[in-house]
């Protein structure tokens, strides 16, 4: 009889059941939160990737077919064509002049997702209107393959200087000084009346050149502009600011202009979620160098 009682198996007590459930809860709840959070962030990353690809598609579409001579730009964002209309006045008259825009455009990436798109030419690079003309500047510096430097200044003949090492340009209140990195003066250019200082650089070498720029002007409002001309066969121009108010522009057209619509344009794409209020979820800006 004792042997029978001794072999009888005992069941789990209530306390053991409660402890087991508690341990299980301690393990499973953080795991479930972790899985839920991972799913949430994966979905957000997927949505961000989708809208970023859509924004890039918009920019590429404008690059491929901008037609800036028209009053509107056709853009096929969905199955139907939409239009960026020419703006009477741009969003920032101090920075842009020619502009096109469309707001709350349907971009076909789900319900309540729209985009604001602007396509504007920068005013910072000024062209003479109504005639073929190069970018306005105090002087043009052309760096040649044989390590010489040609300087073109309005009202004077061409000047050719030897160049050793990298190029250094210093903007003063009334002059622009070109030096090599050894500190030797290459040339001095008098600024045009009322000019804040502007030099155009053309690289005719296959490898890149380095240009170090410093603005020593005592006038805080005088920005020294560096206009870098790019051709696919040339090397890049690397600009390094060494102090002062310096503004650099890459990929400026190096040839003569055909009309006053040429220049550097900014494309800005803002994507919004309009469910219960307009909330920006993505933005990208890209530049287009147009020479028709």
C-alpha atoms as a PDB file:
ATOM      1  CA  UNK A   1       0.000   0.000   0.000  1.00  0.00           C
ATOM      2  CA  UNK A   2       2.839   2.377   0.888  1.00  0.00           C
ATOM      3  CA  UNK A   3       4.576   1.513  -2.349  1.00  0.00           C
ATOM      4  CA  UNK A   4       1.434   2.472  -4.285  1.00  0.00           C
ATOM      5  CA  UNK A   5       1.144   5.772  -2.461  1.00  0.00           C
ATOM      6  CA  UNK A   6       4.836   6.447  -2.902  1.00  0.00           C
ATOM      7  CA  UNK A   7       4.679   6.100  -6.706  1.00  0.00           C
ATOM      8  CA  UNK A   8       1.770   8.483  -7.088  1.00  0.00           C
ATOM      9  CA  UNK A   9       2.787  11.533  -9.253  1.00  0.00           C
ATOM     10  CA  UNK A  10       2.043  14.996  -7.958  1.00  0.00           C
ATOM     11  CA  UNK A  11       0.480  17.717 -10.189  1.00  0.00           C
ATOM     12  CA  UNK A  12       1.613  21.369 -10.400  1.00  0.00           C
ATOM     13  CA  UNK A  13       0.493  23.547  -7.582  1.00  0.00           C
ATOM     14  CA  UNK A  14      -1.268  26.874  -8.162  1.00  0.00           C
ATOM     15  CA  UNK A  15       1.852  28.752  -7.114  1.00  0.00           C
ATOM     16  CA  UNK A  16       3.954  26.874  -9.662  1.00  0.00           C
ATOM     17  CA  UNK A  17       1.437  27.688 -12.399  1.00  0.00           C
ATOM     18  CA  UNK A  18       1.488  31.390 -11.493  1.00  0.00           C
ATOM     19  CA  UNK A  19       5.302  31.479 -11.418  1.00  0.00           C
ATOM     20  CA  UNK A  20       5.462  29.734 -14.810  1.00  0.00           C
ATOM     21  CA  UNK A  21       3.020  32.222 -16.342  1.00  0.00           C
ATOM     22  CA  UNK A  22       4.988  35.131 -14.861  1.00  0.00           C
ATOM     23  CA  UNK A  23       8.284  33.873 -16.279  1.00  0.00           C
ATOM     24  CA  UNK A  24       6.668  33.288 -19.658  1.00  0.00           C
ATOM     25  CA  UNK A  25       5.216  36.822 -19.612  1.00  0.00           C
ATOM     26  CA  UNK A  26       8.593  38.343 -18.726  1.00  0.00           C
ATOM     27  CA  UNK A  27      10.108  36.655 -21.775  1.00  0.00           C
ATOM     28  CA  UNK A  28       7.304  36.945 -24.332  1.00  0.00           C
ATOM     29  CA  UNK A  29       6.231  40.583 -23.780  1.00  0.00           C
ATOM     30  CA  UNK A  30       9.645  42.170 -24.631  1.00  0.00           C
ATOM     31  CA  UNK A  31       9.972  39.809 -27.577  1.00  0.00           C
ATOM     32  CA  UNK A  32       6.577  40.822 -28.914  1.00  0.00           C
ATOM     33  CA  UNK A  33       7.436  44.520 -28.470  1.00  0.00           C
ATOM     34  CA  UNK A  34      10.751  43.949 -30.263  1.00  0.00           C
ATOM     35  CA  UNK A  35       9.062  42.193 -33.174  1.00  0.00           C
ATOM     36  CA  UNK A  36       6.363  44.880 -33.427  1.00  0.00           C
ATOM     37  CA  UNK A  37       8.989  47.661 -33.378  1.00  0.00           C
ATOM     38  CA  UNK A  38      11.071  45.893 -36.028  1.00  0.00           C
ATOM     39  CA  UNK A  39       8.044  45.521 -38.300  1.00  0.00           C
ATOM     40  CA  UNK A  40       7.176  49.193 -37.777  1.00  0.00           C
ATOM     41  CA  UNK A  41      10.671  50.462 -38.652  1.00  0.00           C
ATOM     42  CA  UNK A  42      10.952  48.110 -41.614  1.00  0.00           C
ATOM     43  CA  UNK A  43       7.690  49.525 -42.940  1.00  0.00           C
ATOM     44  CA  UNK A  44       8.895  53.096 -42.383  1.00  0.00           C
ATOM     45  CA  UNK A  45      12.164  52.308 -44.199  1.00  0.00           C
ATOM     46  CA  UNK A  46      10.204  50.772 -47.062  1.00  0.00           C
ATOM     47  CA  UNK A  47       7.979  53.860 -47.305  1.00  0.00           C
ATOM     48  CA  UNK A  48      11.002  56.189 -47.191  1.00  0.00           C
ATOM     49  CA  UNK A  49      12.696  54.230 -49.940  1.00  0.00           C
ATOM     50  CA  UNK A  50       9.546  54.378 -52.049  1.00  0.00           C
ATOM     51  CA  UNK A  51       9.112  58.141 -51.743  1.00  0.00           C
ATOM     52  CA  UNK A  52      12.845  58.775 -52.273  1.00  0.00           C
ATOM     53  CA  UNK A  53      12.780  56.750 -55.485  1.00  0.00           C
ATOM     54  CA  UNK A  54       9.688  58.679 -56.574  1.00  0.00           C
ATOM     55  CA  UNK A  55      11.389  62.022 -55.810  1.00  0.00           C
ATOM     56  CA  UNK A  56      14.445  60.983 -57.830  1.00  0.00           C
ATOM     57  CA  UNK A  57      12.170  59.914 -60.681  1.00  0.00           C
ATOM     58  CA  UNK A  58      10.578  63.386 -60.663  1.00  0.00           C
ATOM     59  CA  UNK A  59      14.007  65.065 -60.828  1.00  0.00           C
ATOM     60  CA  UNK A  60      15.173  62.806 -63.655  1.00  0.00           C
ATOM     61  CA  UNK A  61      11.952  63.495 -65.569  1.00  0.00           C
ATOM     62  CA  UNK A  62      12.543  67.247 -65.359  1.00  0.00           C
ATOM     63  CA  UNK A  63      16.189  66.829 -66.387  1.00  0.00           C
ATOM     64  CA  UNK A  64      15.135  64.789 -69.412  1.00  0.00           C
ATOM     65  CA  UNK A  65      12.381  67.114 -70.647  1.00  0.00           C
ATOM     66  CA  UNK A  66      12.339  70.541 -68.981  1.00  0.00           C
ATOM     67  CA  UNK A  67      11.214  72.700 -71.977  1.00  0.00           C
ATOM     68  CA  UNK A  68      11.819  75.948 -70.114  1.00  0.00           C
ATOM     69  CA  UNK A  69      10.762  78.035 -73.118  1.00  0.00           C
ATOM     70  CA  UNK A  70       7.132  77.014 -72.475  1.00  0.00           C
ATOM     71  CA  UNK A  71       4.645  78.369 -69.943  1.00  0.00           C
ATOM     72  CA  UNK A  72       4.379  74.943 -68.313  1.00  0.00           C
ATOM     73  CA  UNK A  73       6.425  71.748 -67.966  1.00  0.00           C
ATOM     74  CA  UNK A  74       4.654  68.438 -68.610  1.00  0.00           C
ATOM     75  CA  UNK A  75       5.392  65.820 -65.967  1.00  0.00           C
ATOM     76  CA  UNK A  76       4.007  62.300 -66.106  1.00  0.00           C
ATOM     77  CA  UNK A  77       3.813  61.324 -62.429  1.00  0.00           C
ATOM     78  CA  UNK A  78       0.809  59.009 -62.714  1.00  0.00           C
ATOM     79  CA  UNK A  79      -1.225  57.659 -65.611  1.00  0.00           C
ATOM     80  CA  UNK A  80      -2.215  61.238 -66.415  1.00  0.00           C
ATOM     81  CA  UNK A  81       0.074  64.156 -67.311  1.00  0.00           C
ATOM     82  CA  UNK A  82       0.412  66.975 -64.778  1.00  0.00           C
ATOM     83  CA  UNK A  83       1.991  70.379 -65.319  1.00  0.00           C
ATOM     84  CA  UNK A  84       4.463  72.582 -63.512  1.00  0.00           C
ATOM     85  CA  UNK A  85       3.174  76.061 -64.290  1.00  0.00           C
ATOM     86  CA  UNK A  86       5.402  79.090 -64.769  1.00  0.00           C
ATOM     87  CA  UNK A  87       5.463  81.244 -61.642  1.00  0.00           C
ATOM     88  CA  UNK A  88       4.686  84.940 -61.813  1.00  0.00           C
ATOM     89  CA  UNK A  89       7.038  85.443 -58.886  1.00  0.00           C
ATOM     90  CA  UNK A  90       9.373  82.883 -57.377  1.00  0.00           C
ATOM     91  CA  UNK A  91       9.547  81.789 -53.749  1.00  0.00           C
ATOM     92  CA  UNK A  92      12.710  83.804 -53.094  1.00  0.00           C
ATOM     93  CA  UNK A  93      13.266  86.705 -55.480  1.00  0.00           C
ATOM     94  CA  UNK A  94      16.756  87.305 -54.086  1.00  0.00           C
ATOM     95  CA  UNK A  95      17.942  83.841 -55.196  1.00  0.00           C
ATOM     96  CA  UNK A  96      15.825  82.825 -58.188  1.00  0.00           C
ATOM     97  CA  UNK A  97      14.241  84.347 -61.283  1.00  0.00           C
ATOM     98  CA  UNK A  98      12.753  81.861 -63.799  1.00  0.00           C
ATOM     99  CA  UNK A  99      10.561  79.372 -61.970  1.00  0.00           C
ATOM    100  CA  UNK A 100       7.926  76.645 -62.357  1.00  0.00           C
ATOM    101  CA  UNK A 101       5.904  74.919 -59.671  1.00  0.00           C
ATOM    102  CA  UNK A 102       3.105  72.506 -58.838  1.00  0.00           C
ATOM    103  CA  UNK A 103       1.625  71.927 -55.402  1.00  0.00           C
ATOM    104  CA  UNK A 104      -0.156  68.893 -53.892  1.00  0.00           C
ATOM    105  CA  UNK A 105       0.618  66.884 -57.032  1.00  0.00           C
ATOM    106  CA  UNK A 106      -0.578  63.286 -57.161  1.00  0.00           C
ATOM    107  CA  UNK A 107       2.551  61.099 -57.311  1.00  0.00           C
ATOM    108  CA  UNK A 108       0.846  57.694 -57.221  1.00  0.00           C
ATOM    109  CA  UNK A 109       2.515  56.221 -54.117  1.00  0.00           C
ATOM    110  CA  UNK A 110      -0.573  55.605 -52.002  1.00  0.00           C
ATOM    111  CA  UNK A 111      -3.496  57.470 -50.506  1.00  0.00           C
ATOM    112  CA  UNK A 112      -2.935  60.943 -49.040  1.00  0.00           C
ATOM    113  CA  UNK A 113       0.642  61.224 -50.416  1.00  0.00           C
ATOM    114  CA  UNK A 114       1.308  64.345 -52.521  1.00  0.00           C
ATOM    115  CA  UNK A 115       4.271  66.432 -53.590  1.00  0.00           C
ATOM    116  CA  UNK A 116       5.230  70.090 -53.985  1.00  0.00           C
ATOM    117  CA  UNK A 117       7.695  70.556 -56.852  1.00  0.00           C
ATOM    118  CA  UNK A 118       9.611  73.704 -57.804  1.00  0.00           C
ATOM    119  CA  UNK A 119      12.067  74.184 -60.676  1.00  0.00           C
ATOM    120  CA  UNK A 120      13.928  77.503 -60.477  1.00  0.00           C
ATOM    121  CA  UNK A 121      16.974  79.165 -62.006  1.00  0.00           C
ATOM    122  CA  UNK A 122      19.507  80.616 -59.609  1.00  0.00           C
ATOM    123  CA  UNK A 123      20.036  84.357 -59.839  1.00  0.00           C
ATOM    124  CA  UNK A 124      23.510  84.103 -58.352  1.00  0.00           C
ATOM    125  CA  UNK A 125      25.066  83.515 -61.766  1.00  0.00           C
ATOM    126  CA  UNK A 126      24.081  86.474 -63.920  1.00  0.00           C
ATOM    127  CA  UNK A 127      24.017  86.405 -67.726  1.00  0.00           C
ATOM    128  CA  UNK A 128      23.747  89.330 -70.123  1.00  0.00           C
ATOM    129  CA  UNK A 129      20.230  89.345 -71.516  1.00  0.00           C
ATOM    130  CA  UNK A 130      19.293  89.238 -75.187  1.00  0.00           C
ATOM    131  CA  UNK A 131      22.660  88.213 -76.600  1.00  0.00           C
ATOM    132  CA  UNK A 132      25.157  85.385 -76.603  1.00  0.00           C
ATOM    133  CA  UNK A 133      27.430  85.992 -73.646  1.00  0.00           C
ATOM    134  CA  UNK A 134      29.684  84.164 -71.212  1.00  0.00           C
ATOM    135  CA  UNK A 135      29.117  84.234 -67.466  1.00  0.00           C
ATOM    136  CA  UNK A 136      29.747  87.701 -66.076  1.00  0.00           C
ATOM    137  CA  UNK A 137      33.022  87.836 -64.129  1.00  0.00           C
ATOM    138  CA  UNK A 138      35.984  90.101 -63.384  1.00  0.00           C
ATOM    139  CA  UNK A 139      38.328  87.680 -65.105  1.00  0.00           C
ATOM    140  CA  UNK A 140      38.641  84.207 -66.578  1.00  0.00           C
ATOM    141  CA  UNK A 141      41.389  81.798 -65.553  1.00  0.00           C
ATOM    142  CA  UNK A 142      42.155  78.890 -67.894  1.00  0.00           C
ATOM    143  CA  UNK A 143      44.482  76.173 -66.590  1.00  0.00           C
ATOM    144  CA  UNK A 144      46.145  74.250 -69.452  1.00  0.00           C
ATOM    145  CA  UNK A 145      47.560  70.757 -69.687  1.00  0.00           C
ATOM    146  CA  UNK A 146      51.149  71.989 -70.005  1.00  0.00           C
ATOM    147  CA  UNK A 147      50.895  73.566 -66.550  1.00  0.00           C
ATOM    148  CA  UNK A 148      50.451  77.125 -67.727  1.00  0.00           C
ATOM    149  CA  UNK A 149      47.714  79.529 -66.798  1.00  0.00           C
ATOM    150  CA  UNK A 150      45.995  81.914 -69.212  1.00  0.00           C
ATOM    151  CA  UNK A 151      44.264  84.949 -67.800  1.00  0.00           C
ATOM    152  CA  UNK A 152      41.563  86.802 -69.734  1.00  0.00           C
ATOM    153  CA  UNK A 153      40.522  90.153 -68.340  1.00  0.00           C
ATOM    154  CA  UNK A 154      37.921  92.438 -69.898  1.00  0.00           C
ATOM    155  CA  UNK A 155      39.608  95.232 -71.834  1.00  0.00           C
ATOM    156  CA  UNK A 156      43.038  93.637 -71.986  1.00  0.00           C
ATOM    157  CA  UNK A 157      44.852  91.068 -74.113  1.00  0.00           C
ATOM    158  CA  UNK A 158      45.436  87.450 -73.141  1.00  0.00           C
ATOM    159  CA  UNK A 159      48.184  86.859 -70.610  1.00  0.00           C
ATOM    160  CA  UNK A 160      49.929  83.516 -70.105  1.00  0.00           C
ATOM    161  CA  UNK A 161      51.656  82.717 -66.814  1.00  0.00           C
ATOM    162  CA  UNK A 162      53.610  79.692 -65.610  1.00  0.00           C
ATOM    163  CA  UNK A 163      51.831  77.766 -62.894  1.00  0.00           C
ATOM    164  CA  UNK A 164      53.499  75.531 -60.327  1.00  0.00           C
ATOM    165  CA  UNK A 165      51.367  73.444 -57.995  1.00  0.00           C
ATOM    166  CA  UNK A 166      47.853  74.387 -56.979  1.00  0.00           C
ATOM    167  CA  UNK A 167      46.177  77.732 -57.597  1.00  0.00           C
ATOM    168  CA  UNK A 168      45.378  80.221 -54.850  1.00  0.00           C
ATOM    169  CA  UNK A 169      42.944  83.123 -55.366  1.00  0.00           C
ATOM    170  CA  UNK A 170      42.611  85.984 -52.897  1.00  0.00           C
ATOM    171  CA  UNK A 171      39.778  88.512 -53.062  1.00  0.00           C
ATOM    172  CA  UNK A 172      40.554  92.025 -51.842  1.00  0.00           C
ATOM    173  CA  UNK A 173      38.272  95.061 -51.651  1.00  0.00           C
ATOM    174  CA  UNK A 174      39.388  96.356 -55.060  1.00  0.00           C
ATOM    175  CA  UNK A 175      41.495  93.576 -56.606  1.00  0.00           C
ATOM    176  CA  UNK A 176      41.740  89.842 -57.105  1.00  0.00           C
ATOM    177  CA  UNK A 177      45.187  88.288 -56.623  1.00  0.00           C
ATOM    178  CA  UNK A 178      46.188  84.962 -58.174  1.00  0.00           C
ATOM    179  CA  UNK A 179      49.054  83.080 -56.500  1.00  0.00           C
ATOM    180  CA  UNK A 180      50.630  79.664 -56.687  1.00  0.00           C
ATOM    181  CA  UNK A 181      50.889  77.648 -53.500  1.00  0.00           C
ATOM    182  CA  UNK A 182      54.500  78.798 -53.105  1.00  0.00           C
ATOM    183  CA  UNK A 183      53.095  82.273 -52.467  1.00  0.00           C
ATOM    184  CA  UNK A 184      54.305  83.835 -55.733  1.00  0.00           C
ATOM    185  CA  UNK A 185      51.966  86.334 -57.386  1.00  0.00           C
ATOM    186  CA  UNK A 186      50.757  85.157 -60.798  1.00  0.00           C
ATOM    187  CA  UNK A 187      48.442  88.038 -61.658  1.00  0.00           C
ATOM    188  CA  UNK A 188      46.432  90.894 -60.183  1.00  0.00           C
ATOM    189  CA  UNK A 189      42.989  91.717 -61.550  1.00  0.00           C
ATOM    190  CA  UNK A 190      41.151  94.948 -60.864  1.00  0.00           C
ATOM    191  CA  UNK A 191      37.536  94.347 -59.966  1.00  0.00           C
ATOM    192  CA  UNK A 192      34.800  95.900 -62.024  1.00  0.00           C
ATOM    193  CA  UNK A 193      33.061  98.936 -60.558  1.00  0.00           C
ATOM    194  CA  UNK A 194      30.505  97.821 -58.003  1.00  0.00           C
ATOM    195  CA  UNK A 195      31.590  94.191 -58.280  1.00  0.00           C
ATOM    196  CA  UNK A 196      31.743  91.934 -55.246  1.00  0.00           C
ATOM    197  CA  UNK A 197      34.439  89.880 -56.962  1.00  0.00           C
ATOM    198  CA  UNK A 198      33.855  87.082 -59.447  1.00  0.00           C
ATOM    199  CA  UNK A 199      36.346  84.769 -61.179  1.00  0.00           C
ATOM    200  CA  UNK A 200      35.555  82.087 -63.752  1.00  0.00           C
ATOM    201  CA  UNK A 201      37.856  79.046 -63.809  1.00  0.00           C
ATOM    202  CA  UNK A 202      38.175  76.699 -66.788  1.00  0.00           C
ATOM    203  CA  UNK A 203      40.212  73.514 -66.394  1.00  0.00           C
ATOM    204  CA  UNK A 204      41.728  72.247 -69.651  1.00  0.00           C
ATOM    205  CA  UNK A 205      43.732  69.533 -67.901  1.00  0.00           C
ATOM    206  CA  UNK A 206      42.611  65.907 -67.810  1.00  0.00           C
ATOM    207  CA  UNK A 207      43.334  65.627 -64.096  1.00  0.00           C
ATOM    208  CA  UNK A 208      41.632  67.699 -61.409  1.00  0.00           C
ATOM    209  CA  UNK A 209      43.052  70.974 -60.147  1.00  0.00           C
ATOM    210  CA  UNK A 210      42.838  72.359 -56.616  1.00  0.00           C
ATOM    211  CA  UNK A 211      41.955  76.006 -56.065  1.00  0.00           C
ATOM    212  CA  UNK A 212      42.320  77.604 -52.638  1.00  0.00           C
ATOM    213  CA  UNK A 213      40.206  80.723 -52.152  1.00  0.00           C
ATOM    214  CA  UNK A 214      40.313  83.416 -49.481  1.00  0.00           C
ATOM    215  CA  UNK A 215      38.285  86.609 -49.305  1.00  0.00           C
ATOM    216  CA  UNK A 216      40.071  89.406 -47.450  1.00  0.00           C
ATOM    217  CA  UNK A 217      37.473  92.052 -48.290  1.00  0.00           C
ATOM    218  CA  UNK A 218      36.675  94.301 -45.369  1.00  0.00           C
ATOM    219  CA  UNK A 219      33.069  94.664 -46.562  1.00  0.00           C
ATOM    220  CA  UNK A 220      30.961  91.946 -44.950  1.00  0.00           C
ATOM    221  CA  UNK A 221      28.378  92.082 -47.738  1.00  0.00           C
ATOM    222  CA  UNK A 222      30.911  91.478 -50.535  1.00  0.00           C
ATOM    223  CA  UNK A 223      30.879  87.795 -51.419  1.00  0.00           C
ATOM    224  CA  UNK A 224      33.672  86.470 -53.624  1.00  0.00           C
ATOM    225  CA  UNK A 225      32.218  84.224 -56.357  1.00  0.00           C
ATOM    226  CA  UNK A 226      34.108  81.333 -57.963  1.00  0.00           C
ATOM    227  CA  UNK A 227      32.528  80.026 -61.174  1.00  0.00           C
ATOM    228  CA  UNK A 228      33.869  76.578 -62.116  1.00  0.00           C
ATOM    229  CA  UNK A 229      33.403  75.618 -65.762  1.00  0.00           C
ATOM    230  CA  UNK A 230      33.030  71.920 -66.460  1.00  0.00           C
ATOM    231  CA  UNK A 231      33.378  69.922 -69.634  1.00  0.00           C
ATOM    232  CA  UNK A 232      33.060  66.135 -69.665  1.00  0.00           C
ATOM    233  CA  UNK A 233      36.579  65.764 -71.071  1.00  0.00           C
ATOM    234  CA  UNK A 234      38.217  67.928 -68.406  1.00  0.00           C
ATOM    235  CA  UNK A 235      39.259  67.071 -64.881  1.00  0.00           C
ATOM    236  CA  UNK A 236      37.276  68.301 -61.887  1.00  0.00           C
ATOM    237  CA  UNK A 237      37.908  71.622 -60.137  1.00  0.00           C
ATOM    238  CA  UNK A 238      38.198  71.254 -56.368  1.00  0.00           C
ATOM    239  CA  UNK A 239      37.494  74.458 -54.419  1.00  0.00           C
ATOM    240  CA  UNK A 240      38.700  74.893 -50.841  1.00  0.00           C
ATOM    241  CA  UNK A 241      37.600  78.014 -48.945  1.00  0.00           C
ATOM    242  CA  UNK A 242      40.309  79.337 -46.652  1.00  0.00           C
ATOM    243  CA  UNK A 243      38.283  82.096 -45.033  1.00  0.00           C
ATOM    244  CA  UNK A 244      35.985  85.015 -45.709  1.00  0.00           C
ATOM    245  CA  UNK A 245      32.733  85.168 -47.650  1.00  0.00           C
ATOM    246  CA  UNK A 246      33.276  82.756 -50.561  1.00  0.00           C
ATOM    247  CA  UNK A 247      30.574  81.299 -52.794  1.00  0.00           C
ATOM    248  CA  UNK A 248      31.430  78.552 -55.295  1.00  0.00           C
ATOM    249  CA  UNK A 249      29.442  77.293 -58.295  1.00  0.00           C
ATOM    250  CA  UNK A 250      30.198  74.014 -60.016  1.00  0.00           C
ATOM    251  CA  UNK A 251      29.437  72.983 -63.599  1.00  0.00           C
ATOM    252  CA  UNK A 252      28.906  76.496 -64.953  1.00  0.00           C
ATOM    253  CA  UNK A 253      28.613  76.457 -68.793  1.00  0.00           C
ATOM    254  CA  UNK A 254      32.027  77.279 -70.280  1.00  0.00           C
ATOM    255  CA  UNK A 255      30.852  78.247 -73.773  1.00  0.00           C
ATOM    256  CA  UNK A 256      28.811  81.170 -75.017  1.00  0.00           C
ATOM    257  CA  UNK A 257      25.161  81.270 -74.099  1.00  0.00           C
ATOM    258  CA  UNK A 258      22.382  81.064 -76.667  1.00  0.00           C
ATOM    259  CA  UNK A 259      19.644  82.766 -74.682  1.00  0.00           C
ATOM    260  CA  UNK A 260      18.882  84.170 -71.270  1.00  0.00           C
ATOM    261  CA  UNK A 261      17.229  80.956 -70.039  1.00  0.00           C
ATOM    262  CA  UNK A 262      20.538  79.124 -69.657  1.00  0.00           C
ATOM    263  CA  UNK A 263      22.080  78.619 -66.256  1.00  0.00           C
ATOM    264  CA  UNK A 264      21.959  76.505 -63.119  1.00  0.00           C
ATOM    265  CA  UNK A 265      18.472  75.430 -62.015  1.00  0.00           C
ATOM    266  CA  UNK A 266      17.436  73.967 -58.672  1.00  0.00           C
ATOM    267  CA  UNK A 267      14.792  71.231 -58.563  1.00  0.00           C
ATOM    268  CA  UNK A 268      13.188  70.882 -55.131  1.00  0.00           C
ATOM    269  CA  UNK A 269      10.806  68.020 -54.335  1.00  0.00           C
ATOM    270  CA  UNK A 270       8.881  67.922 -51.059  1.00  0.00           C
ATOM    271  CA  UNK A 271       6.667  64.919 -50.336  1.00  0.00           C
ATOM    272  CA  UNK A 272       3.817  65.154 -47.839  1.00  0.00           C
ATOM    273  CA  UNK A 273       1.366  62.900 -46.063  1.00  0.00           C
ATOM    274  CA  UNK A 274      -1.999  64.655 -46.078  1.00  0.00           C
ATOM    275  CA  UNK A 275      -3.907  62.318 -43.738  1.00  0.00           C
ATOM    276  CA  UNK A 276      -5.257  64.562 -40.971  1.00  0.00           C
ATOM    277  CA  UNK A 277      -2.964  67.457 -41.850  1.00  0.00           C
ATOM    278  CA  UNK A 278      -0.107  68.182 -44.260  1.00  0.00           C
ATOM    279  CA  UNK A 279       3.101  66.667 -42.849  1.00  0.00           C
ATOM    280  CA  UNK A 280       6.396  66.680 -44.768  1.00  0.00           C
ATOM    281  CA  UNK A 281       7.967  63.211 -44.862  1.00  0.00           C
ATOM    282  CA  UNK A 282      10.752  63.673 -47.436  1.00  0.00           C
ATOM    283  CA  UNK A 283      12.633  66.441 -49.272  1.00  0.00           C
ATOM    284  CA  UNK A 284      15.421  66.502 -51.852  1.00  0.00           C
ATOM    285  CA  UNK A 285      17.067  69.241 -53.947  1.00  0.00           C
ATOM    286  CA  UNK A 286      19.191  68.739 -57.059  1.00  0.00           C
ATOM    287  CA  UNK A 287      20.869  71.134 -59.502  1.00  0.00           C
ATOM    288  CA  UNK A 288      20.641  71.047 -63.293  1.00  0.00           C
ATOM    289  CA  UNK A 289      23.082  72.856 -65.564  1.00  0.00           C
ATOM    290  CA  UNK A 290      21.115  73.930 -68.664  1.00  0.00           C
ATOM    291  CA  UNK A 291      22.684  75.175 -71.873  1.00  0.00           C
ATOM    292  CA  UNK A 292      20.143  74.879 -74.677  1.00  0.00           C
END
